[in-house]
Amino acid sequence: MKSFKFMVFGLAIGVLIGLWLGVNIGKGQPLLSNPFAEHPVTEKTREAMEKGKEMYEEGKRIINR
């Protein structure tokens, strides 16, 4: 019975650590960083968003001619 408790406890700890690391891997962040922290928008992402808006506006102008 004692080994069963240790196994369940170890499994629970393993799942928690695995989720923590898995979320960070999925987001492309350092492994030990906080997966729930807000990260500022990078300059590359901001430029891509601006370019997307410009393309959208240009498409609207072409369609509405």
Protein backbone atom coordinates (compact mmCIF):
# COMPACT_ATOMS: atom_id res chain seq x y z
CA MET A 1 0.00 0.00 0.00
CA LYS A 2 2.88 2.33 0.78
CA SER A 3 4.45 1.83 -2.65
CA PHE A 4 1.10 2.59 -4.31
CA LYS A 5 0.96 5.97 -2.53
CA PHE A 6 4.50 6.77 -3.66
CA MET A 7 3.65 5.75 -7.22
CA VAL A 8 0.55 7.97 -7.31
CA PHE A 9 2.45 10.87 -5.76
CA GLY A 10 5.31 10.45 -8.24
CA LEU A 11 2.88 10.26 -11.14
CA ALA A 12 1.13 13.46 -10.04
CA ILE A 13 4.43 15.33 -9.69
CA GLY A 14 5.57 14.00 -13.09
CA VAL A 15 2.37 15.17 -14.77
CA LEU A 16 2.68 18.66 -13.27
CA ILE A 17 6.32 19.02 -14.32
CA GLY A 18 5.54 17.59 -17.75
CA LEU A 19 2.72 20.08 -18.30
CA TRP A 20 4.93 22.98 -17.20
CA LEU A 21 7.72 22.01 -19.57
CA GLY A 22 5.35 21.05 -22.38
CA VAL A 23 3.59 24.42 -22.38
CA ASN A 24 6.94 26.22 -22.48
CA ILE A 25 8.16 24.04 -25.34
CA GLY A 26 4.95 24.67 -27.26
CA LYS A 27 5.28 28.43 -26.84
CA GLY A 28 8.98 28.42 -27.71
CA GLN A 29 10.00 29.82 -24.34
CA PRO A 30 12.86 28.82 -22.05
CA LEU A 31 11.96 25.61 -20.20
CA LEU A 32 12.03 27.03 -16.69
CA SER A 33 10.11 30.24 -17.42
CA ASN A 34 6.59 30.88 -16.15
CA PRO A 35 4.20 29.50 -18.80
CA PHE A 36 1.40 31.81 -17.62
CA ALA A 37 3.38 35.07 -17.74
CA GLU A 38 2.36 37.73 -20.25
CA HIS A 39 5.06 38.23 -22.84
CA PRO A 40 5.30 41.45 -24.81
CA VAL A 41 4.67 41.35 -28.53
CA THR A 42 7.99 41.12 -30.30
CA GLU A 43 9.01 43.62 -32.94
CA LYS A 44 8.82 40.94 -35.64
CA THR A 45 5.24 40.09 -34.69
CA ARG A 46 4.27 43.76 -34.59
CA GLU A 47 5.69 44.28 -38.09
CA ALA A 48 3.80 41.24 -39.38
CA MET A 49 0.56 42.56 -37.90
CA GLU A 50 1.06 45.97 -39.53
CA LYS A 51 1.84 44.35 -42.89
CA GLY A 52 -1.30 42.21 -42.57
CA LYS A 53 -3.44 45.29 -41.91
CA GLU A 54 -1.95 47.04 -44.95
CA MET A 55 -2.67 44.01 -47.14
CA TYR A 56 -6.23 43.83 -45.82
CA GLU A 57 -6.87 47.52 -46.56
CA GLU A 58 -5.37 47.14 -50.05
CA GLY A 59 -7.60 44.14 -50.72
CA LYS A 60 -10.67 46.08 -49.61
CA ARG A 61 -9.75 48.95 -51.97
CA ILE A 62 -9.33 46.57 -54.90
CA ILE A 63 -12.65 44.83 -54.25
CA ASN A 64 -14.58 48.09 -53.83
CA ARG A 65 -13.47 49.59 -57.17
